[in-house]
PDB file of N, CA and C in Angstrom:
ATOM      1  N   MET A   1      18.091  -5.363 -28.935  1.00  0.00           N
ATOM      2  CA  MET A   1      18.874  -6.009 -27.490  1.00  0.00           C
ATOM      3  C   MET A   1      19.009  -4.829 -26.557  1.00  0.00           C
ATOM      4  N   GLY A   2      19.915  -3.624 -27.183  1.00  0.00           N
ATOM      5  CA  GLY A   2      20.494  -2.884 -26.079  1.00  0.00           C
ATOM      6  C   GLY A   2      18.801  -2.248 -25.509  1.00  0.00           C
ATOM      7  N   ASN A   3      17.650  -1.792 -26.250  1.00  0.00           N
ATOM      8  CA  ASN A   3      16.374  -1.107 -26.088  1.00  0.00           C
ATOM      9  C   ASN A   3      15.710  -2.070 -24.872  1.00  0.00           C
ATOM     10  N   LYS A   4      15.853  -3.311 -24.978  1.00  0.00           N
ATOM     11  CA  LYS A   4      15.185  -4.377 -24.427  1.00  0.00           C
ATOM     12  C   LYS A   4      15.577  -4.115 -22.873  1.00  0.00           C
ATOM     13  N   ALA A   5      17.180  -3.829 -22.873  1.00  0.00           N
ATOM     14  CA  ALA A   5      17.943  -3.552 -21.409  1.00  0.00           C
ATOM     15  C   ALA A   5      17.398  -2.551 -21.033  1.00  0.00           C
ATOM     16  N   GLY A   6      17.068  -1.166 -21.608  1.00  0.00           N
ATOM     17  CA  GLY A   6      17.257   0.419 -21.111  1.00  0.00           C
ATOM     18  C   GLY A   6      15.695   0.273 -20.666  1.00  0.00           C
ATOM     19  N   HIS A   7      15.201  -0.592 -20.970  1.00  0.00           N
ATOM     20  CA  HIS A   7      13.161  -1.371 -20.474  1.00  0.00           C
ATOM     21  C   HIS A   7      13.357  -1.380 -19.476  1.00  0.00           C
ATOM     22  N   GLU A   8      14.116  -2.310 -19.337  1.00  0.00           N
ATOM     23  CA  GLU A   8      13.795  -3.074 -17.528  1.00  0.00           C
ATOM     24  C   GLU A   8      14.676  -2.201 -16.745  1.00  0.00           C
ATOM     25  N   SER A   9      15.520  -1.659 -16.850  1.00  0.00           N
ATOM     26  CA  SER A   9      16.449  -0.287 -15.987  1.00  0.00           C
ATOM     27  C   SER A   9      15.270   0.519 -15.691  1.00  0.00           C
ATOM     28  N   SER A  10      14.290   1.230 -16.573  1.00  0.00           N
ATOM     29  CA  SER A  10      13.702   2.115 -16.088  1.00  0.00           C
ATOM     30  C   SER A  10      12.097   1.356 -15.484  1.00  0.00           C
ATOM     31  N   SER A  11      11.730   0.418 -15.901  1.00  0.00           N
ATOM     32  CA  SER A  11      10.935  -0.339 -15.061  1.00  0.00           C
ATOM     33  C   SER A  11      11.323  -0.692 -13.487  1.00  0.00           C
ATOM     34  N   LYS A  12      12.541  -0.678 -13.359  1.00  0.00           N
ATOM     35  CA  LYS A  12      13.297  -1.122 -12.009  1.00  0.00           C
ATOM     36  C   LYS A  12      12.882   0.183 -11.392  1.00  0.00           C
ATOM     37  N   LYS A  13      13.454   1.430 -11.667  1.00  0.00           N
ATOM     38  CA  LYS A  13      13.582   2.362 -11.414  1.00  0.00           C
ATOM     39  C   LYS A  13      12.049   3.088 -10.786  1.00  0.00           C
ATOM     40  N   ILE A  14      10.961   3.135 -11.895  1.00  0.00           N
ATOM     41  CA  ILE A  14       9.814   3.199 -11.251  1.00  0.00           C
ATOM     42  C   ILE A  14       9.119   2.353 -10.114  1.00  0.00           C
ATOM     43  N   LYS A  15       9.714   0.954  -9.736  1.00  0.00           N
ATOM     44  CA  LYS A  15       9.321   0.314  -8.803  1.00  0.00           C
ATOM     45  C   LYS A  15      10.035   0.711  -7.506  1.00  0.00           C
ATOM     46  N   LYS A  16      11.299   0.867  -7.654  1.00  0.00           N
ATOM     47  CA  LYS A  16      11.503   1.553  -6.669  1.00  0.00           C
ATOM     48  C   LYS A  16      11.349   2.860  -5.949  1.00  0.00           C
ATOM     49  N   LYS A  17      10.799   3.529  -7.023  1.00  0.00           N
ATOM     50  CA  LYS A  17       9.921   5.114  -6.692  1.00  0.00           C
ATOM     51  C   LYS A  17       8.458   4.756  -5.887  1.00  0.00           C
ATOM     52  N   THR A  18       7.455   3.609  -6.344  1.00  0.00           N
ATOM     53  CA  THR A  18       6.995   3.219  -5.973  1.00  0.00           C
ATOM     54  C   THR A  18       6.450   2.998  -4.194  1.00  0.00           C
ATOM     55  N   GLU A  19       8.135   2.358  -4.271  1.00  0.00           N
ATOM     56  CA  GLU A  19       8.297   1.572  -2.782  1.00  0.00           C
ATOM     57  C   GLU A  19       8.549   2.645  -1.737  1.00  0.00           C
ATOM     58  N   GLU A  20       9.306   4.002  -2.508  1.00  0.00           N
ATOM     59  CA  GLU A  20       9.557   5.413  -1.729  1.00  0.00           C
ATOM     60  C   GLU A  20       8.085   5.730  -1.411  1.00  0.00           C
ATOM     61  N   ASN A  21       7.197   5.888  -2.083  1.00  0.00           N
ATOM     62  CA  ASN A  21       6.140   6.606  -1.945  1.00  0.00           C
ATOM     63  C   ASN A  21       5.160   5.616  -0.852  1.00  0.00           C
ATOM     64  N   ASP A  22       5.281   4.591  -0.649  1.00  0.00           N
ATOM     65  CA  ASP A  22       4.681   3.483   0.027  1.00  0.00           C
ATOM     66  C   ASP A  22       5.362   4.167   1.429  1.00  0.00           C
ATOM     67  N   GLU A  23       6.832   4.114   1.570  1.00  0.00           N
ATOM     68  CA  GLU A  23       7.239   4.383   3.147  1.00  0.00           C
ATOM     69  C   GLU A  23       6.732   5.843   3.394  1.00  0.00           C
ATOM     70  N   VAL A  24       6.732   6.885   2.245  1.00  0.00           N
ATOM     71  CA  VAL A  24       6.466   8.081   3.309  1.00  0.00           C
ATOM     72  C   VAL A  24       4.926   8.040   3.125  1.00  0.00           C
ATOM     73  N   ALA A  25       3.744   7.538   2.249  1.00  0.00           N
ATOM     74  CA  ALA A  25       2.549   7.068   3.172  1.00  0.00           C
ATOM     75  C   ALA A  25       2.448   6.456   4.316  1.00  0.00           C
ATOM     76  N   ILE A  26       3.046   5.712   4.552  1.00  0.00           N
ATOM     77  CA  ILE A  26       2.881   5.125   5.978  1.00  0.00           C
ATOM     78  C   ILE A  26       3.698   6.289   7.015  1.00  0.00           C
ATOM     79  N   GLN A  27       4.519   6.493   6.783  1.00  0.00           N
ATOM     80  CA  GLN A  27       5.281   7.732   7.581  1.00  0.00           C
ATOM     81  C   GLN A  27       4.152   8.712   8.000  1.00  0.00           C
ATOM     82  N   GLU A  28       3.129   9.308   7.049  1.00  0.00           N
ATOM     83  CA  GLU A  28       2.594  10.072   7.145  1.00  0.00           C
ATOM     84  C   GLU A  28       1.108   9.666   7.967  1.00  0.00           C
ATOM     85  N   LYS A  29       0.946   8.418   7.703  1.00  0.00           N
ATOM     86  CA  LYS A  29      -0.505   7.710   8.500  1.00  0.00           C
ATOM     87  C   LYS A  29       0.421   7.446   9.633  1.00  0.00           C
ATOM     88  N   GLU A  30       1.629   7.496  10.424  1.00  0.00           N
ATOM     89  CA  GLU A  30       1.732   7.224  11.493  1.00  0.00           C
ATOM     90  C   GLU A  30       2.325   8.611  12.115  1.00  0.00           C
ATOM     91  N   ASN A  31       2.385   9.605  11.766  1.00  0.00           N
ATOM     92  CA  ASN A  31       2.399  10.691  12.149  1.00  0.00           C
ATOM     93  C   ASN A  31       0.918  11.241  12.419  1.00  0.00           C
ATOM     94  N   LYS A  32      -0.210  10.728  11.386  1.00  0.00           N
ATOM     95  CA  LYS A  32      -1.284  11.342  12.246  1.00  0.00           C
ATOM     96  C   LYS A  32      -1.788  10.723  13.277  1.00  0.00           C
ATOM     97  N   VAL A  33      -1.693   9.606  13.394  1.00  0.00           N
ATOM     98  CA  VAL A  33      -2.262   8.906  14.459  1.00  0.00           C
ATOM     99  C   VAL A  33      -1.478   9.407  15.253  1.00  0.00           C
ATOM    100  N   ARG A  34      -0.144   9.631  15.527  1.00  0.00           N
ATOM    101  CA  ARG A  34       0.505  10.415  16.643  1.00  0.00           C
ATOM    102  C   ARG A  34      -0.193  11.538  17.132  1.00  0.00           C
ATOM    103  N   GLU A  35      -0.396  12.509  16.131  1.00  0.00           N
ATOM    104  CA  GLU A  35      -1.010  14.079  16.207  1.00  0.00           C
ATOM    105  C   GLU A  35      -2.648  13.484  17.082  1.00  0.00           C
ATOM    106  N   LEU A  36      -3.145  12.431  16.750  1.00  0.00           N
ATOM    107  CA  LEU A  36      -4.254  12.019  17.413  1.00  0.00           C
ATOM    108  C   LEU A  36      -4.264  11.851  18.773  1.00  0.00           C
ATOM    109  N   PHE A  37      -3.275  10.754  18.735  1.00  0.00           N
ATOM    110  CA  PHE A  37      -2.894  10.617  20.218  1.00  0.00           C
ATOM    111  C   PHE A  37      -2.694  11.582  21.186  1.00  0.00           C
ATOM    112  N   VAL A  38      -1.556  12.438  20.607  1.00  0.00           N
ATOM    113  CA  VAL A  38      -1.412  13.832  21.401  1.00  0.00           C
ATOM    114  C   VAL A  38      -2.511  14.308  21.919  1.00  0.00           C
ATOM    115  N   LYS A  39      -3.255  14.764  21.004  1.00  0.00           N
ATOM    116  CA  LYS A  39      -4.649  15.446  20.973  1.00  0.00           C
ATOM    117  C   LYS A  39      -5.416  14.979  22.268  1.00  0.00           C
ATOM    118  N   MET A  40      -5.625  13.650  22.174  1.00  0.00           N
ATOM    119  CA  MET A  40      -6.501  12.908  23.254  1.00  0.00           C
ATOM    120  C   MET A  40      -5.614  13.028  24.418  1.00  0.00           C
ATOM    121  N   LEU A  41      -4.423  13.070  24.480  1.00  0.00           N
ATOM    122  CA  LEU A  41      -4.044  12.743  25.884  1.00  0.00           C
ATOM    123  C   LEU A  41      -3.969  14.356  26.730  1.00  0.00           C
ATOM    124  N   GLU A  42      -4.083  15.509  25.428  1.00  0.00           N
ATOM    125  CA  GLU A  42      -3.842  16.897  26.141  1.00  0.00           C
ATOM    126  C   GLU A  42      -5.500  17.183  26.763  1.00  0.00           C
ATOM    127  N   ASP A  43      -6.726  16.519  25.919  1.00  0.00           N
ATOM    128  CA  ASP A  43      -7.621  16.227  26.460  1.00  0.00           C
ATOM    129  C   ASP A  43      -8.042  15.937  27.866  1.00  0.00           C
TER     130      ASP A  43
END
């Protein structure tokens, strides 16, 4: 019983980590788009 509860919490931690990674990926994409946009304006 105690083992099952520990497994649930670890899977929740993994899910939270993937959500954080998704947010980072989105921010990186936005930064790249912004860089391209700035380059276009400078040209």
